[in-house]
C-alpha atoms as a PDB file:
ATOM      1  CA  MET A   1      33.697  55.916  60.093  1.00  0.00           C
ATOM      2  CA  THR A   2      36.246  53.146  60.448  1.00  0.00           C
ATOM      3  CA  ARG A   3      37.162  51.388  57.383  1.00  0.00           C
ATOM      4  CA  THR A   4      37.416  47.710  57.039  1.00  0.00           C
ATOM      5  CA  ALA A   5      40.511  46.313  56.059  1.00  0.00           C
ATOM      6  CA  GLU A   6      40.638  44.994  52.612  1.00  0.00           C
ATOM      7  CA  LEU A   7      42.208  41.820  51.269  1.00  0.00           C
ATOM      8  CA  THR A   8      44.645  42.947  48.546  1.00  0.00           C
ATOM      9  CA  GLY A   9      46.244  40.408  46.271  1.00  0.00           C
ATOM     10  CA  GLU A  10      45.566  36.688  45.734  1.00  0.00           C
ATOM     11  CA  LEU A  11      47.781  35.660  48.450  1.00  0.00           C
ATOM     12  CA  GLU A  12      46.420  37.302  50.920  1.00  0.00           C
ATOM     13  CA  ARG A  13      42.974  36.293  50.063  1.00  0.00           C
ATOM     14  CA  ALA A  14      44.101  32.568  50.202  1.00  0.00           C
ATOM     15  CA  VAL A  15      46.007  33.069  53.420  1.00  0.00           C
ATOM     16  CA  MET A  16      42.537  34.409  55.142  1.00  0.00           C
ATOM     17  CA  ASP A  17      40.720  31.722  53.269  1.00  0.00           C
ATOM     18  CA  ALA A  18      42.843  28.972  55.094  1.00  0.00           C
ATOM     19  CA  VAL A  19      42.595  31.043  58.367  1.00  0.00           C
ATOM     20  CA  TRP A  20      38.599  31.283  58.193  1.00  0.00           C
ATOM     21  CA  ALA A  21      38.379  27.539  57.003  1.00  0.00           C
ATOM     22  CA  ALA A  22      40.142  26.370  59.846  1.00  0.00           C
ATOM     23  CA  ASP A  23      38.177  24.993  63.231  1.00  0.00           C
ATOM     24  CA  ALA A  24      40.609  26.246  65.469  1.00  0.00           C
ATOM     25  CA  PRO A  25      43.684  28.688  65.668  1.00  0.00           C
ATOM     26  CA  VAL A  26      46.402  28.199  62.442  1.00  0.00           C
ATOM     27  CA  SER A  27      50.274  28.277  62.368  1.00  0.00           C
ATOM     28  CA  ALA A  28      51.916  29.558  59.154  1.00  0.00           C
ATOM     29  CA  TYR A  29      52.805  25.817  58.500  1.00  0.00           C
ATOM     30  CA  ASP A  30      49.028  24.811  58.701  1.00  0.00           C
ATOM     31  CA  VAL A  31      48.062  27.525  56.176  1.00  0.00           C
ATOM     32  CA  LYS A  32      51.211  26.149  53.715  1.00  0.00           C
ATOM     33  CA  ALA A  33      49.778  22.844  54.094  1.00  0.00           C
ATOM     34  CA  GLN A  34      46.098  23.908  53.274  1.00  0.00           C
ATOM     35  CA  LEU A  35      47.707  25.971  50.330  1.00  0.00           C
ATOM     36  CA  GLU A  36      49.604  23.209  48.982  1.00  0.00           C
ATOM     37  CA  LEU A  37      46.508  21.341  48.834  1.00  0.00           C
ATOM     38  CA  GLN A  38      45.612  23.600  46.151  1.00  0.00           C
ATOM     39  CA  GLY A  39      48.548  23.670  44.012  1.00  0.00           C
ATOM     40  CA  ARG A  40      50.505  26.631  45.813  1.00  0.00           C
ATOM     41  CA  THR A  41      53.583  26.300  47.152  1.00  0.00           C
ATOM     42  CA  PRO A  42      54.593  29.617  49.045  1.00  0.00           C
ATOM     43  CA  ALA A  43      57.457  29.575  51.624  1.00  0.00           C
ATOM     44  CA  VAL A  44      56.601  29.663  55.046  1.00  0.00           C
ATOM     45  CA  THR A  45      58.676  33.014  55.483  1.00  0.00           C
ATOM     46  CA  THR A  46      56.291  34.425  52.900  1.00  0.00           C
ATOM     47  CA  LEU A  47      53.177  33.160  54.638  1.00  0.00           C
ATOM     48  CA  LEU A  48      54.563  34.644  58.057  1.00  0.00           C
ATOM     49  CA  THR A  49      54.884  37.931  56.400  1.00  0.00           C
ATOM     50  CA  VAL A  50      51.329  37.906  55.038  1.00  0.00           C
ATOM     51  CA  LEU A  51      49.946  37.219  58.482  1.00  0.00           C
ATOM     52  CA  THR A  52      51.884  39.705  60.270  1.00  0.00           C
ATOM     53  CA  ARG A  53      50.393  42.313  57.667  1.00  0.00           C
ATOM     54  CA  LEU A  54      46.928  40.682  58.546  1.00  0.00           C
ATOM     55  CA  GLU A  55      47.678  41.038  62.100  1.00  0.00           C
ATOM     56  CA  LYS A  56      48.894  44.671  61.874  1.00  0.00           C
ATOM     57  CA  ARG A  57      45.760  45.318  59.933  1.00  0.00           C
ATOM     58  CA  GLY A  58      43.365  44.031  62.421  1.00  0.00           C
ATOM     59  CA  LEU A  59      42.100  40.860  60.628  1.00  0.00           C
ATOM     60  CA  VAL A  60      43.777  38.331  62.404  1.00  0.00           C
ATOM     61  CA  VAL A  61      45.348  37.990  65.974  1.00  0.00           C
ATOM     62  CA  SER A  62      48.212  36.080  67.214  1.00  0.00           C
ATOM     63  CA  ASP A  63      49.024  33.764  69.925  1.00  0.00           C
ATOM     64  CA  ARG A  64      52.640  34.445  70.485  1.00  0.00           C
ATOM     65  CA  SER A  65      52.986  32.276  73.590  1.00  0.00           C
ATOM     66  CA  MET A  66      53.831  29.218  71.763  1.00  0.00           C
ATOM     67  CA  ARG A  67      55.853  28.130  68.799  1.00  0.00           C
ATOM     68  CA  PRO A  68      54.997  28.082  66.092  1.00  0.00           C
ATOM     69  CA  HIS A  69      52.742  31.274  66.533  1.00  0.00           C
ATOM     70  CA  HIS A  70      48.941  30.387  66.076  1.00  0.00           C
ATOM     71  CA  TYR A  71      46.675  32.903  64.572  1.00  0.00           C
ATOM     72  CA  THR A  72      42.906  33.565  64.773  1.00  0.00           C
ATOM     73  CA  PRO A  73      40.534  35.386  62.580  1.00  0.00           C
ATOM     74  CA  VAL A  74      39.383  38.503  64.582  1.00  0.00           C
ATOM     75  CA  THR A  75      36.007  38.031  62.543  1.00  0.00           C
ATOM     76  CA  SER A  76      33.869  35.400  60.458  1.00  0.00           C
ATOM     77  CA  ARG A  77      34.215  35.942  56.844  1.00  0.00           C
ATOM     78  CA  ALA A  78      30.589  36.631  56.707  1.00  0.00           C
ATOM     79  CA  ALA A  79      30.931  39.536  59.076  1.00  0.00           C
ATOM     80  CA  HIS A  80      34.079  40.756  57.182  1.00  0.00           C
ATOM     81  CA  VAL A  81      32.206  41.145  53.880  1.00  0.00           C
ATOM     82  CA  ALA A  82      29.209  42.520  55.460  1.00  0.00           C
ATOM     83  CA  GLU A  83      31.435  45.167  56.923  1.00  0.00           C
ATOM     84  CA  LEU A  84      32.998  46.039  53.743  1.00  0.00           C
ATOM     85  CA  MET A  85      29.605  46.204  52.188  1.00  0.00           C
ATOM     86  CA  HIS A  86      28.705  48.698  54.713  1.00  0.00           C
ATOM     87  CA  ASP A  87      32.050  50.730  54.461  1.00  0.00           C
ATOM     88  CA  VAL A  88      31.403  50.842  50.416  1.00  0.00           C
ATOM     89  CA  LEU A  89      27.656  51.968  50.986  1.00  0.00           C
ATOM     90  CA  GLY A  90      28.724  54.841  53.365  1.00  0.00           C
ATOM     91  CA  THR A  91      31.033  56.403  50.937  1.00  0.00           C
ATOM     92  CA  SER A  92      28.255  56.550  48.484  1.00  0.00           C
ATOM     93  CA  LEU A  93      26.593  60.148  47.840  1.00  0.00           C
ATOM     94  CA  ASP A  94      23.617  58.364  46.530  1.00  0.00           C
ATOM     95  CA  ARG A  95      22.756  55.623  48.765  1.00  0.00           C
ATOM     96  CA  THR A  96      19.433  54.968  47.155  1.00  0.00           C
ATOM     97  CA  ALA A  97      21.097  54.680  44.025  1.00  0.00           C
ATOM     98  CA  VAL A  98      23.530  51.978  45.029  1.00  0.00           C
ATOM     99  CA  LEU A  99      20.954  50.029  46.684  1.00  0.00           C
ATOM    100  CA  THR A 100      19.133  50.134  43.519  1.00  0.00           C
ATOM    101  CA  ARG A 101      21.758  48.639  41.277  1.00  0.00           C
ATOM    102  CA  PHE A 102      22.811  46.198  43.751  1.00  0.00           C
ATOM    103  CA  VAL A 103      18.889  44.837  44.290  1.00  0.00           C
ATOM    104  CA  GLY A 104      18.683  44.557  40.832  1.00  0.00           C
ATOM    105  CA  GLY A 105      21.979  42.530  40.117  1.00  0.00           C
ATOM    106  CA  VAL A 106      21.201  40.085  42.873  1.00  0.00           C
ATOM    107  CA  SER A 107      19.355  36.412  41.852  1.00  0.00           C
ATOM    108  CA  ALA A 108      15.957  35.629  42.582  1.00  0.00           C
ATOM    109  CA  GLU A 109      16.627  33.492  45.269  1.00  0.00           C
ATOM    110  CA  ASP A 110      19.291  36.361  47.075  1.00  0.00           C
ATOM    111  CA  ALA A 111      16.398  38.759  46.403  1.00  0.00           C
ATOM    112  CA  ALA A 112      13.959  36.187  48.352  1.00  0.00           C
ATOM    113  CA  VAL A 113      16.508  35.961  51.349  1.00  0.00           C
ATOM    114  CA  LEU A 114      16.878  39.666  51.451  1.00  0.00           C
ATOM    115  CA  ARG A 115      12.781  39.885  51.613  1.00  0.00           C
ATOM    116  CA  ARG A 116      12.829  37.494  54.620  1.00  0.00           C
ATOM    117  CA  LEU A 117      15.717  39.129  56.385  1.00  0.00           C
ATOM    118  CA  LEU A 118      14.072  42.783  55.966  1.00  0.00           C
ATOM    119  CA  GLU A 119      10.863  41.399  57.114  1.00  0.00           C
ATOM    120  CA  ARG A 120      12.611  39.905  60.168  1.00  0.00           C
ATOM    121  CA  ALA A 121      14.375  43.227  61.049  1.00  0.00           C
ATOM    122  CA  GLU A 122      10.720  45.142  60.991  1.00  0.00           C
END
């Protein structure tokens, strides 16, 4: 089983949130501008380091044909989270217990969504 790359640290999560929120490929300068709107002031070199690490871990791809380089997410946020959920479930020795615990902790609204999705899947 291939493990999905997890986001480690607040800055990685903030950078990926900015990349996922964009409707087009983004540069480190675009990410910096987005983070500054949130009151964060990371250096562009720091953001380039984070984006390079995210690329090595398969979370973003870069277009190096232009300057500055632009980054695009490999998958959507929803697909990434779903892959993480599958990875975690796959590591469990007792899948039924994990699913029971998960379902017991969801809101009534989320439970209704799960029911509809399961009915459609059948």
